[in-house]
Amino acid sequence: MAVAGQRRDRGALLHHLPFLLVMLVVAVAALRIGQYHWRQGAALIGGALLLAGLLRAALPEAKAGLLAIRGKPVDVLTYGALSVLILFIAFTITGGPLS
């Protein structure tokens, strides 16, 4: 019985690996923002959203895990649009108290 439970737990972890990968990039972004490198942090968040969109587009529905929110086209479009918007803001805003 323990072997079947271990397989089930490992399968659940692998099922959410894409989401964990995206969240790892977001954690690095939060660290950079906390170190007052907010442009790099914002660019990393945009990159994390781009990664989420690419993973959502490439993976089948059953393996997308927590990246699957709605239908695949809606998810990919939403992740992509938010990624482009955040990257645009990160690369174009200059000055301010955090520069």
PDB file of N, CA and C in Angstrom:
ATOM      1  N   MET A   1       0.801  -1.200   0.000  1.00  0.00           N
ATOM      2  CA  MET A   1       0.000   0.000   0.000  1.00  0.00           C
ATOM      3  C   MET A   1       0.846   1.268   0.000  1.00  0.00           C
ATOM      4  N   ALA A   2       1.942   1.248   0.729  1.00  0.00           N
ATOM      5  CA  ALA A   2       2.782   2.448   0.818  1.00  0.00           C
ATOM      6  C   ALA A   2       3.375   2.809  -0.531  1.00  0.00           C
ATOM      7  N   VAL A   3       3.681   1.806  -1.349  1.00  0.00           N
ATOM      8  CA  VAL A   3       4.271   2.078  -2.662  1.00  0.00           C
ATOM      9  C   VAL A   3       3.266   2.801  -3.550  1.00  0.00           C
ATOM     10  N   ALA A   4       2.018   2.374  -3.528  1.00  0.00           N
ATOM     11  CA  ALA A   4       0.997   3.033  -4.342  1.00  0.00           C
ATOM     12  C   ALA A   4       0.793   4.471  -3.885  1.00  0.00           C
ATOM     13  N   GLY A   5       0.823   4.696  -2.583  1.00  0.00           N
ATOM     14  CA  GLY A   5       0.674   6.053  -2.064  1.00  0.00           C
ATOM     15  C   GLY A   5       1.838   6.941  -2.452  1.00  0.00           C
ATOM     16  N   GLN A   6       3.046   6.376  -2.450  1.00  0.00           N
ATOM     17  CA  GLN A   6       4.216   7.152  -2.854  1.00  0.00           C
ATOM     18  C   GLN A   6       4.148   7.505  -4.324  1.00  0.00           C
ATOM     19  N   ARG A   7       3.686   6.581  -5.149  1.00  0.00           N
ATOM     20  CA  ARG A   7       3.534   6.879  -6.586  1.00  0.00           C
ATOM     21  C   ARG A   7       2.513   7.977  -6.792  1.00  0.00           C
ATOM     22  N   ARG A   8       1.429   7.914  -6.053  1.00  0.00           N
ATOM     23  CA  ARG A   8       0.383   8.920  -6.184  1.00  0.00           C
ATOM     24  C   ARG A   8       0.919  10.289  -5.771  1.00  0.00           C
ATOM     25  N   ASP A   9       1.693  10.352  -4.682  1.00  0.00           N
ATOM     26  CA  ASP A   9       2.262  11.618  -4.228  1.00  0.00           C
ATOM     27  C   ASP A   9       3.259  12.167  -5.239  1.00  0.00           C
ATOM     28  N   ARG A  10       4.110  11.303  -5.800  1.00  0.00           N
ATOM     29  CA  ARG A  10       5.081  11.736  -6.800  1.00  0.00           C
ATOM     30  C   ARG A  10       4.368  12.227  -8.056  1.00  0.00           C
ATOM     31  N   GLY A  11       3.303  11.543  -8.441  1.00  0.00           N
ATOM     32  CA  GLY A  11       2.526  11.969  -9.609  1.00  0.00           C
ATOM     33  C   GLY A  11       1.867  13.316  -9.382  1.00  0.00           C
ATOM     34  N   ALA A  12       1.397  13.554  -8.161  1.00  0.00           N
ATOM     35  CA  ALA A  12       0.788  14.844  -7.842  1.00  0.00           C
ATOM     36  C   ALA A  12       1.831  15.957  -7.895  1.00  0.00           C
ATOM     37  N   LEU A  13       3.033  15.668  -7.413  1.00  0.00           N
ATOM     38  CA  LEU A  13       4.095  16.669  -7.467  1.00  0.00           C
ATOM     39  C   LEU A  13       4.479  16.972  -8.912  1.00  0.00           C
ATOM     40  N   LEU A  14       4.630  15.956  -9.721  1.00  0.00           N
ATOM     41  CA  LEU A  14       4.972  16.168 -11.129  1.00  0.00           C
ATOM     42  C   LEU A  14       3.850  16.890 -11.861  1.00  0.00           C
ATOM     43  N   HIS A  15       2.626  16.664 -11.425  1.00  0.00           N
ATOM     44  CA  HIS A  15       1.474  17.315 -12.040  1.00  0.00           C
ATOM     45  C   HIS A  15       1.535  18.831 -11.850  1.00  0.00           C
ATOM     46  N   HIS A  16       2.084  19.280 -10.726  1.00  0.00           N
ATOM     47  CA  HIS A  16       2.153  20.711 -10.425  1.00  0.00           C
ATOM     48  C   HIS A  16       3.535  21.310 -10.658  1.00  0.00           C
ATOM     49  N   LEU A  17       4.439  20.562 -11.249  1.00  0.00           N
ATOM     50  CA  LEU A  17       5.795  21.048 -11.508  1.00  0.00           C
ATOM     51  C   LEU A  17       5.828  22.299 -12.394  1.00  0.00           C
ATOM     52  N   PRO A  18       5.010  22.400 -13.455  1.00  0.00           N
ATOM     53  CA  PRO A  18       5.045  23.645 -14.252  1.00  0.00           C
ATOM     54  C   PRO A  18       4.696  24.874 -13.413  1.00  0.00           C
ATOM     55  N   PHE A  19       3.685  24.748 -12.560  1.00  0.00           N
ATOM     56  CA  PHE A  19       3.307  25.871 -11.698  1.00  0.00           C
ATOM     57  C   PHE A  19       4.421  26.205 -10.721  1.00  0.00           C
ATOM     58  N   LEU A  20       5.057  25.186 -10.154  1.00  0.00           N
ATOM     59  CA  LEU A  20       6.156  25.422  -9.225  1.00  0.00           C
ATOM     60  C   LEU A  20       7.327  26.121  -9.903  1.00  0.00           C
ATOM     61  N   LEU A  21       7.582  25.782 -11.152  1.00  0.00           N
ATOM     62  CA  LEU A  21       8.641  26.436 -11.907  1.00  0.00           C
ATOM     63  C   LEU A  21       8.341  27.920 -12.107  1.00  0.00           C
ATOM     64  N   VAL A  22       7.108  28.226 -12.475  1.00  0.00           N
ATOM     65  CA  VAL A  22       6.703  29.625 -12.650  1.00  0.00           C
ATOM     66  C   VAL A  22       6.807  30.369 -11.324  1.00  0.00           C
ATOM     67  N   MET A  23       6.376  29.731 -10.240  1.00  0.00           N
ATOM     68  CA  MET A  23       6.429  30.385  -8.936  1.00  0.00           C
ATOM     69  C   MET A  23       7.870  30.584  -8.446  1.00  0.00           C
ATOM     70  N   LEU A  24       8.770  29.721  -8.855  1.00  0.00           N
ATOM     71  CA  LEU A  24      10.187  29.911  -8.528  1.00  0.00           C
ATOM     72  C   LEU A  24      10.716  31.187  -9.181  1.00  0.00           C
ATOM     73  N   VAL A  25      10.343  31.429 -10.431  1.00  0.00           N
ATOM     74  CA  VAL A  25      10.759  32.663 -11.116  1.00  0.00           C
ATOM     75  C   VAL A  25      10.142  33.875 -10.417  1.00  0.00           C
ATOM     76  N   VAL A  26       8.890  33.763  -9.990  1.00  0.00           N
ATOM     77  CA  VAL A  26       8.236  34.865  -9.274  1.00  0.00           C
ATOM     78  C   VAL A  26       8.935  35.119  -7.934  1.00  0.00           C
ATOM     79  N   ALA A  27       9.378  34.069  -7.254  1.00  0.00           N
ATOM     80  CA  ALA A  27      10.093  34.239  -5.983  1.00  0.00           C
ATOM     81  C   ALA A  27      11.420  34.973  -6.197  1.00  0.00           C
ATOM     82  N   VAL A  28      12.121  34.644  -7.271  1.00  0.00           N
ATOM     83  CA  VAL A  28      13.361  35.357  -7.598  1.00  0.00           C
ATOM     84  C   VAL A  28      13.046  36.817  -7.912  1.00  0.00           C
ATOM     85  N   ALA A  29      11.939  37.051  -8.604  1.00  0.00           N
ATOM     86  CA  ALA A  29      11.523  38.422  -8.916  1.00  0.00           C
ATOM     87  C   ALA A  29      11.226  39.197  -7.632  1.00  0.00           C
ATOM     88  N   ALA A  30      10.545  38.567  -6.689  1.00  0.00           N
ATOM     89  CA  ALA A  30      10.241  39.237  -5.418  1.00  0.00           C
ATOM     90  C   ALA A  30      11.529  39.565  -4.663  1.00  0.00           C
ATOM     91  N   LEU A  31      12.490  38.678  -4.721  1.00  0.00           N
ATOM     92  CA  LEU A  31      13.783  38.935  -4.089  1.00  0.00           C
ATOM     93  C   LEU A  31      14.458  40.151  -4.720  1.00  0.00           C
ATOM     94  N   ARG A  32      14.454  40.225  -6.042  1.00  0.00           N
ATOM     95  CA  ARG A  32      15.080  41.362  -6.734  1.00  0.00           C
ATOM     96  C   ARG A  32      14.343  42.666  -6.423  1.00  0.00           C
ATOM     97  N   ILE A  33      13.018  42.607  -6.346  1.00  0.00           N
ATOM     98  CA  ILE A  33      12.255  43.806  -5.996  1.00  0.00           C
ATOM     99  C   ILE A  33      12.583  44.221  -4.568  1.00  0.00           C
ATOM    100  N   GLY A  34      12.698  43.256  -3.673  1.00  0.00           N
ATOM    101  CA  GLY A  34      13.063  43.544  -2.286  1.00  0.00           C
ATOM    102  C   GLY A  34      14.452  44.141  -2.144  1.00  0.00           C
ATOM    103  N   GLN A  35      15.317  43.884  -3.126  1.00  0.00           N
ATOM    104  CA  GLN A  35      16.658  44.459  -3.131  1.00  0.00           C
ATOM    105  C   GLN A  35      16.695  45.785  -3.890  1.00  0.00           C
ATOM    106  N   TYR A  36      15.533  46.368  -4.139  1.00  0.00           N
ATOM    107  CA  TYR A  36      15.379  47.651  -4.827  1.00  0.00           C
ATOM    108  C   TYR A  36      15.822  47.618  -6.280  1.00  0.00           C
ATOM    109  N   HIS A  37      15.752  46.476  -6.906  1.00  0.00           N
ATOM    110  CA  HIS A  37      15.961  46.351  -8.346  1.00  0.00           C
ATOM    111  C   HIS A  37      14.608  46.035  -8.970  1.00  0.00           C
ATOM    112  N   TRP A  38      13.693  47.010  -8.887  1.00  0.00           N
ATOM    113  CA  TRP A  38      12.318  46.743  -9.247  1.00  0.00           C
ATOM    114  C   TRP A  38      12.138  46.502 -10.738  1.00  0.00           C
ATOM    115  N   ARG A  39      12.957  47.126 -11.586  1.00  0.00           N
ATOM    116  CA  ARG A  39      12.821  46.873 -13.033  1.00  0.00           C
ATOM    117  C   ARG A  39      13.179  45.429 -13.364  1.00  0.00           C
ATOM    118  N   GLN A  40      14.265  44.934 -12.771  1.00  0.00           N
ATOM    119  CA  GLN A  40      14.637  43.534 -12.997  1.00  0.00           C
ATOM    120  C   GLN A  40      13.561  42.605 -12.447  1.00  0.00           C
ATOM    121  N   GLY A  41      13.019  42.934 -11.290  1.00  0.00           N
ATOM    122  CA  GLY A  41      11.950  42.122 -10.710  1.00  0.00           C
ATOM    123  C   GLY A  41      10.702  42.118 -11.569  1.00  0.00           C
ATOM    124  N   ALA A  42      10.344  43.290 -12.072  1.00  0.00           N
ATOM    125  CA  ALA A  42       9.168  43.370 -12.938  1.00  0.00           C
ATOM    126  C   ALA A  42       9.393  42.602 -14.236  1.00  0.00           C
ATOM    127  N   ALA A  43      10.602  42.691 -14.785  1.00  0.00           N
ATOM    128  CA  ALA A  43      10.909  41.938 -16.002  1.00  0.00           C
ATOM    129  C   ALA A  43      10.862  40.429 -15.732  1.00  0.00           C
ATOM    130  N   LEU A  44      11.304  40.013 -14.568  1.00  0.00           N
ATOM    131  CA  LEU A  44      11.224  38.591 -14.218  1.00  0.00           C
ATOM    132  C   LEU A  44       9.775  38.133 -14.059  1.00  0.00           C
ATOM    133  N   ILE A  45       8.923  38.989 -13.508  1.00  0.00           N
ATOM    134  CA  ILE A  45       7.508  38.635 -13.401  1.00  0.00           C
ATOM    135  C   ILE A  45       6.899  38.518 -14.794  1.00  0.00           C
ATOM    136  N   GLY A  46       7.253  39.447 -15.684  1.00  0.00           N
ATOM    137  CA  GLY A  46       6.789  39.335 -17.069  1.00  0.00           C
ATOM    138  C   GLY A  46       7.294  38.059 -17.718  1.00  0.00           C
ATOM    139  N   GLY A  47       8.547  37.711 -17.439  1.00  0.00           N
ATOM    140  CA  GLY A  47       9.102  36.458 -17.957  1.00  0.00           C
ATOM    141  C   GLY A  47       8.405  35.237 -17.383  1.00  0.00           C
ATOM    142  N   ALA A  48       8.024  35.300 -16.100  1.00  0.00           N
ATOM    143  CA  ALA A  48       7.303  34.194 -15.480  1.00  0.00           C
ATOM    144  C   ALA A  48       5.939  34.005 -16.146  1.00  0.00           C
ATOM    145  N   LEU A  49       5.276  35.110 -16.456  1.00  0.00           N
ATOM    146  CA  LEU A  49       3.984  35.003 -17.151  1.00  0.00           C
ATOM    147  C   LEU A  49       4.160  34.461 -18.568  1.00  0.00           C
ATOM    148  N   LEU A  50       5.235  34.876 -19.219  1.00  0.00           N
ATOM    149  CA  LEU A  50       5.521  34.342 -20.551  1.00  0.00           C
ATOM    150  C   LEU A  50       5.797  32.837 -20.466  1.00  0.00           C
ATOM    151  N   LEU A  51       6.566  32.435 -19.478  1.00  0.00           N
ATOM    152  CA  LEU A  51       6.832  31.010 -19.255  1.00  0.00           C
ATOM    153  C   LEU A  51       5.538  30.254 -18.984  1.00  0.00           C
ATOM    154  N   ALA A  52       4.656  30.834 -18.178  1.00  0.00           N
ATOM    155  CA  ALA A  52       3.371  30.194 -17.887  1.00  0.00           C
ATOM    156  C   ALA A  52       2.558  30.009 -19.166  1.00  0.00           C
ATOM    157  N   GLY A  53       2.549  31.029 -20.022  1.00  0.00           N
ATOM    158  CA  GLY A  53       1.820  30.912 -21.283  1.00  0.00           C
ATOM    159  C   GLY A  53       2.411  29.858 -22.195  1.00  0.00           C
ATOM    160  N   LEU A  54       3.730  29.810 -22.267  1.00  0.00           N
ATOM    161  CA  LEU A  54       4.376  28.803 -23.116  1.00  0.00           C
ATOM    162  C   LEU A  54       4.130  27.389 -22.591  1.00  0.00           C
ATOM    163  N   LEU A  55       4.235  27.220 -21.279  1.00  0.00           N
ATOM    164  CA  LEU A  55       3.967  25.912 -20.700  1.00  0.00           C
ATOM    165  C   LEU A  55       2.507  25.507 -20.890  1.00  0.00           C
ATOM    166  N   ARG A  56       1.616  26.464 -20.732  1.00  0.00           N
ATOM    167  CA  ARG A  56       0.181  26.165 -20.916  1.00  0.00           C
ATOM    168  C   ARG A  56      -0.103  25.772 -22.351  1.00  0.00           C
ATOM    169  N   ALA A  57       0.571  26.419 -23.298  1.00  0.00           N
ATOM    170  CA  ALA A  57       0.358  26.094 -24.709  1.00  0.00           C
ATOM    171  C   ALA A  57       0.955  24.742 -25.065  1.00  0.00           C
ATOM    172  N   ALA A  58       2.086  24.399 -24.459  1.00  0.00           N
ATOM    173  CA  ALA A  58       2.799  23.182 -24.846  1.00  0.00           C
ATOM    174  C   ALA A  58       2.284  21.930 -24.152  1.00  0.00           C
ATOM    175  N   LEU A  59       1.815  22.075 -22.919  1.00  0.00           N
ATOM    176  CA  LEU A  59       1.419  20.901 -22.157  1.00  0.00           C
ATOM    177  C   LEU A  59      -0.038  20.527 -22.415  1.00  0.00           C
ATOM    178  N   PRO A  60      -0.327  19.230 -22.375  1.00  0.00           N
ATOM    179  CA  PRO A  60      -1.732  18.825 -22.482  1.00  0.00           C
ATOM    180  C   PRO A  60      -2.506  19.251 -21.236  1.00  0.00           C
ATOM    181  N   GLU A  61      -3.812  19.285 -21.356  1.00  0.00           N
ATOM    182  CA  GLU A  61      -4.685  19.733 -20.268  1.00  0.00           C
ATOM    183  C   GLU A  61      -4.413  18.980 -18.964  1.00  0.00           C
ATOM    184  N   ALA A  62      -4.188  17.693 -19.049  1.00  0.00           N
ATOM    185  CA  ALA A  62      -4.009  16.870 -17.859  1.00  0.00           C
ATOM    186  C   ALA A  62      -2.687  17.145 -17.139  1.00  0.00           C
ATOM    187  N   LYS A  63      -1.697  17.692 -17.826  1.00  0.00           N
ATOM    188  CA  LYS A  63      -0.382  17.926 -17.221  1.00  0.00           C
ATOM    189  C   LYS A  63      -0.122  19.397 -16.915  1.00  0.00           C
ATOM    190  N   ALA A  64      -1.060  20.282 -17.219  1.00  0.00           N
ATOM    191  CA  ALA A  64      -0.859  21.713 -16.995  1.00  0.00           C
ATOM    192  C   ALA A  64      -0.991  22.092 -15.524  1.00  0.00           C
ATOM    193  N   GLY A  65      -1.624  21.255 -14.738  1.00  0.00           N
ATOM    194  CA  GLY A  65      -1.743  21.509 -13.308  1.00  0.00           C
ATOM    195  C   GLY A  65      -2.453  22.812 -13.008  1.00  0.00           C
ATOM    196  N   LEU A  66      -1.891  23.588 -12.097  1.00  0.00           N
ATOM    197  CA  LEU A  66      -2.522  24.838 -11.665  1.00  0.00           C
ATOM    198  C   LEU A  66      -2.400  25.962 -12.685  1.00  0.00           C
ATOM    199  N   LEU A  67      -1.680  25.742 -13.774  1.00  0.00           N
ATOM    200  CA  LEU A  67      -1.631  26.754 -14.836  1.00  0.00           C
ATOM    201  C   LEU A  67      -2.922  26.775 -15.638  1.00  0.00           C
ATOM    202  N   ALA A  68      -3.672  25.688 -15.585  1.00  0.00           N
ATOM    203  CA  ALA A  68      -4.936  25.593 -16.321  1.00  0.00           C
ATOM    204  C   ALA A  68      -6.038  26.239 -15.488  1.00  0.00           C
ATOM    205  N   ILE A  69      -6.488  27.384 -15.928  1.00  0.00           N
ATOM    206  CA  ILE A  69      -7.547  28.098 -15.215  1.00  0.00           C
ATOM    207  C   ILE A  69      -8.847  28.010 -16.004  1.00  0.00           C
ATOM    208  N   ARG A  70      -8.764  28.338 -17.274  1.00  0.00           N
ATOM    209  CA  ARG A  70      -9.925  28.275 -18.149  1.00  0.00           C
ATOM    210  C   ARG A  70      -9.541  27.392 -19.326  1.00  0.00           C
ATOM    211  N   GLY A  71     -10.078  27.666 -20.472  1.00  0.00           N
ATOM    212  CA  GLY A  71      -9.682  26.919 -21.664  1.00  0.00           C
ATOM    213  C   GLY A  71      -8.276  27.297 -22.090  1.00  0.00           C
ATOM    214  N   LYS A  72      -7.635  26.425 -22.840  1.00  0.00           N
ATOM    215  CA  LYS A  72      -6.252  26.662 -23.247  1.00  0.00           C
ATOM    216  C   LYS A  72      -6.083  27.968 -24.025  1.00  0.00           C
ATOM    217  N   PRO A  73      -6.930  28.266 -25.018  1.00  0.00           N
ATOM    218  CA  PRO A  73      -6.725  29.535 -25.751  1.00  0.00           C
ATOM    219  C   PRO A  73      -6.852  30.771 -24.862  1.00  0.00           C
ATOM    220  N   VAL A  74      -7.807  30.748 -23.944  1.00  0.00           N
ATOM    221  CA  VAL A  74      -7.992  31.900 -23.050  1.00  0.00           C
ATOM    222  C   VAL A  74      -6.789  32.043 -22.127  1.00  0.00           C
ATOM    223  N   ASP A  75      -6.315  30.939 -21.575  1.00  0.00           N
ATOM    224  CA  ASP A  75      -5.159  30.989 -20.687  1.00  0.00           C
ATOM    225  C   ASP A  75      -3.915  31.502 -21.411  1.00  0.00           C
ATOM    226  N   VAL A  76      -3.640  30.968 -22.580  1.00  0.00           N
ATOM    227  CA  VAL A  76      -2.443  31.376 -23.322  1.00  0.00           C
ATOM    228  C   VAL A  76      -2.534  32.856 -23.696  1.00  0.00           C
ATOM    229  N   LEU A  77      -3.683  33.287 -24.156  1.00  0.00           N
ATOM    230  CA  LEU A  77      -3.866  34.691 -24.524  1.00  0.00           C
ATOM    231  C   LEU A  77      -3.718  35.602 -23.308  1.00  0.00           C
ATOM    232  N   THR A  78      -4.292  35.216 -22.190  1.00  0.00           N
ATOM    233  CA  THR A  78      -4.219  36.036 -20.979  1.00  0.00           C
ATOM    234  C   THR A  78      -2.800  36.110 -20.447  1.00  0.00           C
ATOM    235  N   TYR A  79      -2.132  34.960 -20.336  1.00  0.00           N
ATOM    236  CA  TYR A  79      -0.744  34.969 -19.871  1.00  0.00           C
ATOM    237  C   TYR A  79       0.136  35.795 -20.804  1.00  0.00           C
ATOM    238  N   GLY A  80      -0.056  35.640 -22.099  1.00  0.00           N
ATOM    239  CA  GLY A  80       0.752  36.380 -23.067  1.00  0.00           C
ATOM    240  C   GLY A  80       0.519  37.878 -22.998  1.00  0.00           C
ATOM    241  N   ALA A  81      -0.751  38.288 -22.918  1.00  0.00           N
ATOM    242  CA  ALA A  81      -1.069  39.718 -22.866  1.00  0.00           C
ATOM    243  C   ALA A  81      -0.527  40.359 -21.590  1.00  0.00           C
ATOM    244  N   LEU A  82      -0.701  39.694 -20.458  1.00  0.00           N
ATOM    245  CA  LEU A  82      -0.165  40.245 -19.209  1.00  0.00           C
ATOM    246  C   LEU A  82       1.357  40.299 -19.233  1.00  0.00           C
ATOM    247  N   SER A  83       1.972  39.306 -19.842  1.00  0.00           N
ATOM    248  CA  SER A  83       3.429  39.291 -19.959  1.00  0.00           C
ATOM    249  C   SER A  83       3.918  40.472 -20.777  1.00  0.00           C
ATOM    250  N   VAL A  84       3.317  40.691 -21.918  1.00  0.00           N
ATOM    251  CA  VAL A  84       3.726  41.804 -22.781  1.00  0.00           C
ATOM    252  C   VAL A  84       3.513  43.133 -22.070  1.00  0.00           C
ATOM    253  N   LEU A  85       2.400  43.286 -21.376  1.00  0.00           N
ATOM    254  CA  LEU A  85       2.109  44.527 -20.672  1.00  0.00           C
ATOM    255  C   LEU A  85       3.134  44.799 -19.567  1.00  0.00           C
ATOM    256  N   ILE A  86       3.425  43.802 -18.755  1.00  0.00           N
ATOM    257  CA  ILE A  86       4.378  43.998 -17.660  1.00  0.00           C
ATOM    258  C   ILE A  86       5.787  44.227 -18.197  1.00  0.00           C
ATOM    259  N   LEU A  87       6.187  43.502 -19.228  1.00  0.00           N
ATOM    260  CA  LEU A  87       7.509  43.722 -19.817  1.00  0.00           C
ATOM    261  C   LEU A  87       7.610  45.117 -20.428  1.00  0.00           C
ATOM    262  N   PHE A  88       6.552  45.582 -21.072  1.00  0.00           N
ATOM    263  CA  PHE A  88       6.541  46.928 -21.635  1.00  0.00           C
ATOM    264  C   PHE A  88       6.737  47.970 -20.537  1.00  0.00           C
ATOM    265  N   ILE A  89       6.001  47.808 -19.447  1.00  0.00           N
ATOM    266  CA  ILE A  89       6.123  48.755 -18.338  1.00  0.00           C
ATOM    267  C   ILE A  89       7.526  48.695 -17.725  1.00  0.00           C
ATOM    268  N   ALA A  90       8.039  47.486 -17.539  1.00  0.00           N
ATOM    269  CA  ALA A  90       9.361  47.337 -16.914  1.00  0.00           C
ATOM    270  C   ALA A  90      10.461  47.975 -17.749  1.00  0.00           C
ATOM    271  N   PHE A  91      10.343  47.904 -19.069  1.00  0.00           N
ATOM    272  CA  PHE A  91      11.414  48.408 -19.924  1.00  0.00           C
ATOM    273  C   PHE A  91      11.256  49.871 -20.313  1.00  0.00           C
ATOM    274  N   THR A  92      10.083  50.481 -20.089  1.00  0.00           N
ATOM    275  CA  THR A  92       9.893  51.848 -20.566  1.00  0.00           C
ATOM    276  C   THR A  92       9.817  52.888 -19.469  1.00  0.00           C
ATOM    277  N   ILE A  93       9.417  52.547 -18.266  1.00  0.00           N
ATOM    278  CA  ILE A  93       9.300  53.543 -17.208  1.00  0.00           C
ATOM    279  C   ILE A  93      10.694  53.857 -16.660  1.00  0.00           C
ATOM    280  N   THR A  94      10.986  55.142 -16.611  1.00  0.00           N
ATOM    281  CA  THR A  94      12.271  55.588 -16.063  1.00  0.00           C
ATOM    282  C   THR A  94      12.013  56.569 -14.929  1.00  0.00           C
ATOM    283  N   GLY A  95      13.025  56.777 -14.114  1.00  0.00           N
ATOM    284  CA  GLY A  95      12.903  57.713 -13.014  1.00  0.00           C
ATOM    285  C   GLY A  95      12.071  57.134 -11.885  1.00  0.00           C
ATOM    286  N   GLY A  96      11.657  58.008 -10.965  1.00  0.00           N
ATOM    287  CA  GLY A  96      10.848  57.576  -9.851  1.00  0.00           C
ATOM    288  C   GLY A  96      11.708  57.275  -8.635  1.00  0.00           C
ATOM    289  N   PRO A  97      11.043  57.021  -7.509  1.00  0.00           N
ATOM    290  CA  PRO A  97      11.781  56.823  -6.267  1.00  0.00           C
ATOM    291  C   PRO A  97      12.565  55.521  -6.210  1.00  0.00           C
ATOM    292  N   LEU A  98      12.235  54.547  -7.046  1.00  0.00           N
ATOM    293  CA  LEU A  98      12.907  53.253  -6.990  1.00  0.00           C
ATOM    294  C   LEU A  98      13.956  53.073  -8.067  1.00  0.00           C
ATOM    295  N   SER A  99      14.270  54.118  -8.809  1.00  0.00           N
ATOM    296  CA  SER A  99      15.236  53.965  -9.900  1.00  0.00           C
ATOM    297  C   SER A  99      16.654  53.974  -9.421  1.00  0.00           C
TER     298      SER A  99
END
